[in-house]
Amino acid sequence: MRKLFLATAAVFAMAGLALAVEVVVVRYNADTKEVTVKEGDKEVTYKIAENIKVTLKDKEGNTKEGTFADWERRLKLAGGKGGGKGGGRFGGGKADITVKDGVITEVIITGGGRKKN
């Protein structure tokens, strides 16, 4: 019984270490590799991990592995260079991020892509 309780407690403790949340990119600082995002009503600044895992997801839900360069290109477009509230001219730069100890370790970005004829 004690082992079951300790195992359950360990599972809940591990789940609390990483936080996954959907955000809108507000600003991106390429020099310091920091991203300011809007979570609900508040803005929070996170550092980007050196070995960040990037996943690209299309409209149909298909996923493929991406690179930091893919996300950085979108950060520069969405991070306030195009005007508009909540991000640049390309729709606010929404992403699902996983944060651990104030550092973004994983990001899932949804791409619009072009229509295929």
N, C-alpha and C. Protein backbone atom coordinates (compact mmCIF):
# COMPACT_ATOMS: atom_id res chain seq x y z
N MET A 1 0.82 -1.18 0.00
CA MET A 1 0.00 0.00 0.00
C MET A 1 0.87 1.26 0.00
N ARG A 2 1.93 1.21 0.77
CA ARG A 2 2.82 2.36 0.86
C ARG A 2 3.50 2.62 -0.49
N LYS A 3 3.89 1.56 -1.19
CA LYS A 3 4.52 1.71 -2.51
C LYS A 3 3.56 2.34 -3.51
N LEU A 4 2.30 1.93 -3.47
CA LEU A 4 1.29 2.49 -4.37
C LEU A 4 1.11 3.99 -4.11
N PHE A 5 1.04 4.35 -2.84
CA PHE A 5 0.89 5.76 -2.49
C PHE A 5 2.09 6.58 -2.95
N LEU A 6 3.29 6.09 -2.70
CA LEU A 6 4.50 6.81 -3.11
C LEU A 6 4.61 6.91 -4.63
N ALA A 7 4.22 5.86 -5.34
CA ALA A 7 4.25 5.90 -6.80
C ALA A 7 3.26 6.93 -7.33
N THR A 8 2.08 6.98 -6.76
CA THR A 8 1.08 7.96 -7.17
C THR A 8 1.55 9.38 -6.88
N ALA A 9 2.15 9.60 -5.73
CA ALA A 9 2.67 10.91 -5.37
C ALA A 9 3.79 11.33 -6.32
N ALA A 10 4.62 10.39 -6.72
CA ALA A 10 5.71 10.69 -7.64
C ALA A 10 5.17 11.09 -9.01
N VAL A 11 4.11 10.43 -9.46
CA VAL A 11 3.50 10.77 -10.75
C VAL A 11 2.96 12.20 -10.72
N PHE A 12 2.27 12.56 -9.65
CA PHE A 12 1.73 13.91 -9.55
C PHE A 12 2.84 14.95 -9.43
N ALA A 13 3.90 14.62 -8.75
CA ALA A 13 5.03 15.56 -8.62
C ALA A 13 5.70 15.80 -9.97
N MET A 14 5.87 14.74 -10.76
CA MET A 14 6.50 14.88 -12.08
C MET A 14 5.60 15.68 -13.02
N ALA A 15 4.29 15.51 -12.91
CA ALA A 15 3.35 16.24 -13.77
C ALA A 15 3.40 17.73 -13.46
N GLY A 16 3.71 18.09 -12.25
CA GLY A 16 3.76 19.50 -11.88
C GLY A 16 5.03 20.21 -12.30
N LEU A 17 6.04 19.49 -12.73
CA LEU A 17 7.31 20.13 -13.09
C LEU A 17 7.25 20.85 -14.43
N ALA A 18 6.47 20.35 -15.37
CA ALA A 18 6.38 20.98 -16.68
C ALA A 18 4.97 21.50 -16.88
N LEU A 19 4.88 22.71 -17.44
CA LEU A 19 3.60 23.35 -17.65
C LEU A 19 3.38 23.55 -19.13
N ALA A 20 2.30 23.02 -19.67
CA ALA A 20 1.99 23.19 -21.09
C ALA A 20 0.82 24.15 -21.20
N VAL A 21 0.97 25.15 -22.09
CA VAL A 21 -0.06 26.16 -22.20
C VAL A 21 -0.07 26.75 -23.61
N GLU A 22 -1.24 27.20 -24.06
CA GLU A 22 -1.34 27.87 -25.36
C GLU A 22 -1.15 29.36 -25.13
N VAL A 23 -0.30 29.97 -25.94
CA VAL A 23 0.05 31.38 -25.76
C VAL A 23 0.00 32.12 -27.09
N VAL A 24 0.07 33.45 -26.99
CA VAL A 24 0.21 34.32 -28.15
C VAL A 24 1.52 35.08 -27.98
N VAL A 25 2.36 35.06 -29.00
CA VAL A 25 3.65 35.74 -28.93
C VAL A 25 3.44 37.25 -29.02
N VAL A 26 4.05 37.98 -28.08
CA VAL A 26 3.96 39.43 -28.08
C VAL A 26 5.25 40.04 -28.61
N ARG A 27 6.39 39.58 -28.07
CA ARG A 27 7.70 40.09 -28.47
C ARG A 27 8.71 38.96 -28.49
N TYR A 28 9.74 39.14 -29.32
CA TYR A 28 10.84 38.18 -29.38
C TYR A 28 12.14 38.95 -29.42
N ASN A 29 13.07 38.61 -28.54
CA ASN A 29 14.39 39.22 -28.52
C ASN A 29 15.40 38.17 -28.97
N ALA A 30 15.90 38.32 -30.20
CA ALA A 30 16.81 37.33 -30.77
C ALA A 30 18.17 37.34 -30.08
N ASP A 31 18.59 38.49 -29.53
CA ASP A 31 19.90 38.58 -28.88
C ASP A 31 19.95 37.76 -27.60
N THR A 32 18.91 37.85 -26.78
CA THR A 32 18.90 37.14 -25.50
C THR A 32 18.11 35.84 -25.56
N LYS A 33 17.51 35.55 -26.72
CA LYS A 33 16.66 34.37 -26.91
C LYS A 33 15.58 34.30 -25.84
N GLU A 34 14.84 35.40 -25.73
CA GLU A 34 13.72 35.49 -24.81
C GLU A 34 12.45 35.81 -25.59
N VAL A 35 11.35 35.21 -25.16
CA VAL A 35 10.05 35.42 -25.79
C VAL A 35 9.09 35.93 -24.73
N THR A 36 8.40 37.02 -25.05
CA THR A 36 7.34 37.52 -24.19
C THR A 36 6.03 37.05 -24.80
N VAL A 37 5.24 36.35 -24.00
CA VAL A 37 3.99 35.78 -24.48
C VAL A 37 2.84 36.26 -23.61
N LYS A 38 1.65 36.17 -24.16
CA LYS A 38 0.46 36.53 -23.42
C LYS A 38 -0.28 35.26 -23.05
N GLU A 39 -0.37 35.01 -21.75
CA GLU A 39 -1.10 33.87 -21.20
C GLU A 39 -2.36 34.42 -20.54
N GLY A 40 -3.48 34.28 -21.20
CA GLY A 40 -4.70 34.86 -20.65
C GLY A 40 -4.61 36.37 -20.68
N ASP A 41 -4.61 37.00 -19.49
CA ASP A 41 -4.55 38.46 -19.42
C ASP A 41 -3.17 39.00 -19.07
N LYS A 42 -2.23 38.11 -18.72
CA LYS A 42 -0.92 38.60 -18.29
C LYS A 42 0.17 38.25 -19.30
N GLU A 43 1.20 39.08 -19.32
CA GLU A 43 2.36 38.83 -20.19
C GLU A 43 3.49 38.26 -19.35
N VAL A 44 4.13 37.22 -19.90
CA VAL A 44 5.22 36.53 -19.21
C VAL A 44 6.38 36.39 -20.18
N THR A 45 7.61 36.56 -19.68
CA THR A 45 8.80 36.40 -20.50
C THR A 45 9.51 35.11 -20.12
N TYR A 46 9.83 34.31 -21.16
CA TYR A 46 10.52 33.04 -20.95
C TYR A 46 11.79 33.01 -21.79
N LYS A 47 12.79 32.29 -21.30
CA LYS A 47 13.99 32.01 -22.09
C LYS A 47 13.69 30.79 -22.97
N ILE A 48 14.45 30.65 -24.06
CA ILE A 48 14.30 29.52 -24.96
C ILE A 48 15.46 28.58 -24.73
N ALA A 49 15.17 27.29 -24.54
CA ALA A 49 16.20 26.29 -24.30
C ALA A 49 17.07 26.10 -25.54
N GLU A 50 18.31 25.74 -25.31
CA GLU A 50 19.24 25.50 -26.42
C GLU A 50 18.80 24.30 -27.26
N ASN A 51 18.27 23.29 -26.62
CA ASN A 51 17.86 22.06 -27.32
C ASN A 51 16.33 21.95 -27.37
N ILE A 52 15.68 23.03 -27.77
CA ILE A 52 14.22 23.07 -27.81
C ILE A 52 13.69 22.09 -28.86
N LYS A 53 12.58 21.44 -28.53
CA LYS A 53 11.94 20.51 -29.46
C LYS A 53 10.81 21.26 -30.14
N VAL A 54 10.86 21.33 -31.46
CA VAL A 54 9.85 22.04 -32.24
C VAL A 54 9.05 21.03 -33.05
N THR A 55 7.72 21.12 -32.95
CA THR A 55 6.83 20.26 -33.71
C THR A 55 5.92 21.14 -34.56
N LEU A 56 5.82 20.82 -35.84
CA LEU A 56 4.96 21.55 -36.76
C LEU A 56 3.69 20.74 -36.97
N LYS A 57 2.53 21.42 -36.87
CA LYS A 57 1.25 20.72 -37.04
C LYS A 57 0.43 21.46 -38.09
N ASP A 58 -0.08 20.71 -39.09
CA ASP A 58 -0.88 21.35 -40.13
C ASP A 58 -2.36 21.35 -39.73
N LYS A 59 -3.20 21.92 -40.60
CA LYS A 59 -4.62 22.06 -40.29
C LYS A 59 -5.33 20.73 -40.10
N GLU A 60 -4.84 19.68 -40.77
CA GLU A 60 -5.45 18.36 -40.64
C GLU A 60 -5.01 17.63 -39.37
N GLY A 61 -4.03 18.17 -38.65
CA GLY A 61 -3.55 17.54 -37.44
C GLY A 61 -2.32 16.68 -37.62
N ASN A 62 -1.79 16.61 -38.85
CA ASN A 62 -0.56 15.86 -39.10
C ASN A 62 0.62 16.63 -38.51
N THR A 63 1.54 15.91 -37.88
CA THR A 63 2.69 16.56 -37.27
C THR A 63 3.99 16.07 -37.90
N LYS A 64 4.97 16.96 -37.86
CA LYS A 64 6.33 16.59 -38.25
C LYS A 64 7.30 17.41 -37.42
N GLU A 65 8.49 16.88 -37.28
CA GLU A 65 9.50 17.55 -36.48
C GLU A 65 10.05 18.75 -37.23
N GLY A 66 10.23 19.84 -36.50
CA GLY A 66 10.77 21.05 -37.09
C GLY A 66 12.08 21.43 -36.41
N THR A 67 12.59 22.58 -36.78
CA THR A 67 13.83 23.09 -36.19
C THR A 67 13.55 24.42 -35.52
N PHE A 68 14.51 24.88 -34.72
CA PHE A 68 14.36 26.18 -34.08
C PHE A 68 14.27 27.28 -35.14
N ALA A 69 14.95 27.11 -36.26
CA ALA A 69 14.90 28.11 -37.33
C ALA A 69 13.48 28.30 -37.86
N ASP A 70 12.70 27.20 -37.92
CA ASP A 70 11.30 27.30 -38.34
C ASP A 70 10.51 28.20 -37.40
N TRP A 71 10.69 27.97 -36.11
CA TRP A 71 9.95 28.76 -35.13
C TRP A 71 10.47 30.19 -35.06
N GLU A 72 11.78 30.36 -35.17
CA GLU A 72 12.36 31.69 -35.09
C GLU A 72 11.86 32.58 -36.23
N ARG A 73 11.71 32.00 -37.41
CA ARG A 73 11.19 32.75 -38.55
C ARG A 73 9.77 33.27 -38.23
N ARG A 74 8.97 32.43 -37.63
CA ARG A 74 7.61 32.84 -37.25
C ARG A 74 7.62 33.83 -36.10
N LEU A 75 8.56 33.67 -35.17
CA LEU A 75 8.67 34.61 -34.06
C LEU A 75 8.97 36.02 -34.56
N LYS A 76 9.86 36.10 -35.52
CA LYS A 76 10.22 37.41 -36.06
C LYS A 76 9.04 38.05 -36.79
N LEU A 77 8.23 37.25 -37.46
CA LEU A 77 7.06 37.78 -38.16
C LEU A 77 5.96 38.16 -37.18
N ALA A 78 5.71 37.32 -36.19
CA ALA A 78 4.59 37.52 -35.28
C ALA A 78 4.92 38.41 -34.09
N GLY A 79 6.18 38.59 -33.81
CA GLY A 79 6.59 39.26 -32.59
C GLY A 79 6.56 40.76 -32.61
N GLY A 80 5.60 41.37 -33.29
CA GLY A 80 5.42 42.80 -33.19
C GLY A 80 5.96 43.63 -34.33
N LYS A 81 6.53 43.04 -35.35
CA LYS A 81 7.08 43.83 -36.45
C LYS A 81 6.01 44.26 -37.45
N GLY A 82 4.83 43.65 -37.40
CA GLY A 82 3.82 43.96 -38.40
C GLY A 82 2.67 44.78 -37.88
N GLY A 83 2.75 45.25 -36.65
CA GLY A 83 1.65 46.03 -36.09
C GLY A 83 0.52 45.11 -35.67
N GLY A 84 -0.50 45.70 -35.15
CA GLY A 84 -1.64 44.91 -34.71
C GLY A 84 -1.49 44.46 -33.29
N LYS A 85 -2.61 44.17 -32.66
CA LYS A 85 -2.62 43.80 -31.26
C LYS A 85 -2.26 42.32 -31.09
N GLY A 86 -1.36 42.01 -30.18
CA GLY A 86 -1.04 40.62 -29.86
C GLY A 86 -0.09 39.97 -30.82
N GLY A 87 0.61 40.73 -31.63
CA GLY A 87 1.56 40.12 -32.54
C GLY A 87 1.48 40.75 -33.90
N GLY A 88 2.32 40.32 -34.78
CA GLY A 88 2.47 40.94 -36.08
C GLY A 88 1.33 40.71 -37.04
N ARG A 89 1.58 40.97 -38.27
CA ARG A 89 0.54 40.96 -39.27
C ARG A 89 0.11 39.56 -39.67
N PHE A 90 0.74 38.54 -39.13
CA PHE A 90 0.43 37.17 -39.51
C PHE A 90 -0.34 36.42 -38.42
N GLY A 91 -1.25 37.09 -37.75
CA GLY A 91 -2.20 36.39 -36.90
C GLY A 91 -1.82 36.18 -35.46
N GLY A 92 -0.87 36.90 -34.91
CA GLY A 92 -0.63 36.85 -33.48
C GLY A 92 0.34 35.80 -33.00
N GLY A 93 0.83 34.93 -33.84
CA GLY A 93 1.85 33.98 -33.44
C GLY A 93 1.44 33.05 -32.32
N LYS A 94 0.37 32.31 -32.49
CA LYS A 94 -0.08 31.38 -31.46
C LYS A 94 0.79 30.13 -31.45
N ALA A 95 0.98 29.59 -30.26
CA ALA A 95 1.79 28.37 -30.11
C ALA A 95 1.41 27.67 -28.82
N ASP A 96 1.62 26.38 -28.77
CA ASP A 96 1.50 25.60 -27.54
C ASP A 96 2.91 25.37 -27.04
N ILE A 97 3.21 25.86 -25.83
CA ILE A 97 4.56 25.73 -25.30
C ILE A 97 4.55 24.89 -24.04
N THR A 98 5.68 24.24 -23.79
CA THR A 98 5.91 23.52 -22.54
C THR A 98 7.05 24.23 -21.82
N VAL A 99 6.79 24.65 -20.58
CA VAL A 99 7.75 25.44 -19.81
C VAL A 99 8.20 24.63 -18.61
N LYS A 100 9.51 24.63 -18.40
CA LYS A 100 10.08 23.97 -17.23
C LYS A 100 11.09 24.92 -16.61
N ASP A 101 10.87 25.32 -15.38
CA ASP A 101 11.75 26.23 -14.64
C ASP A 101 11.99 27.54 -15.39
N GLY A 102 10.95 28.11 -16.01
CA GLY A 102 11.06 29.39 -16.69
C GLY A 102 11.72 29.32 -18.06
N VAL A 103 11.91 28.12 -18.59
CA VAL A 103 12.56 27.93 -19.89
C VAL A 103 11.62 27.12 -20.79
N ILE A 104 11.44 27.58 -22.02
CA ILE A 104 10.61 26.86 -22.97
C ILE A 104 11.41 25.68 -23.50
N THR A 105 10.90 24.47 -23.28
CA THR A 105 11.60 23.26 -23.70
C THR A 105 10.99 22.61 -24.93
N GLU A 106 9.71 22.91 -25.19
CA GLU A 106 9.03 22.31 -26.33
C GLU A 106 7.97 23.28 -26.85
N VAL A 107 7.81 23.32 -28.17
CA VAL A 107 6.80 24.18 -28.77
C VAL A 107 6.11 23.42 -29.91
N ILE A 108 4.80 23.57 -29.98
CA ILE A 108 4.03 23.02 -31.09
C ILE A 108 3.39 24.20 -31.82
N ILE A 109 3.75 24.37 -33.08
CA ILE A 109 3.20 25.48 -33.85
C ILE A 109 2.31 24.94 -34.95
N THR A 110 1.17 25.59 -35.13
CA THR A 110 0.22 25.18 -36.14
C THR A 110 0.43 26.06 -37.35
N GLY A 111 0.67 25.42 -38.48
CA GLY A 111 0.91 26.16 -39.71
C GLY A 111 -0.32 26.18 -40.58
N GLY A 112 -0.53 27.32 -41.22
CA GLY A 112 -1.65 27.43 -42.14
C GLY A 112 -1.35 26.71 -43.43
N GLY A 113 -0.17 26.96 -43.95
CA GLY A 113 0.21 26.32 -45.21
C GLY A 113 -0.62 26.85 -46.38
N ARG A 114 -0.25 26.47 -47.57
CA ARG A 114 -0.97 26.88 -48.75
C ARG A 114 -1.91 25.79 -49.19
N LYS A 115 -2.98 26.20 -49.84
CA LYS A 115 -3.94 25.23 -50.34
C LYS A 115 -3.35 24.50 -51.52
N LYS A 116 -3.55 23.19 -51.55
CA LYS A 116 -3.06 22.39 -52.67
C LYS A 116 -4.18 22.24 -53.67
N ASN A 117 -3.87 22.41 -54.94
CA ASN A 117 -4.89 22.26 -55.99
C ASN A 117 -4.94 20.88 -56.53
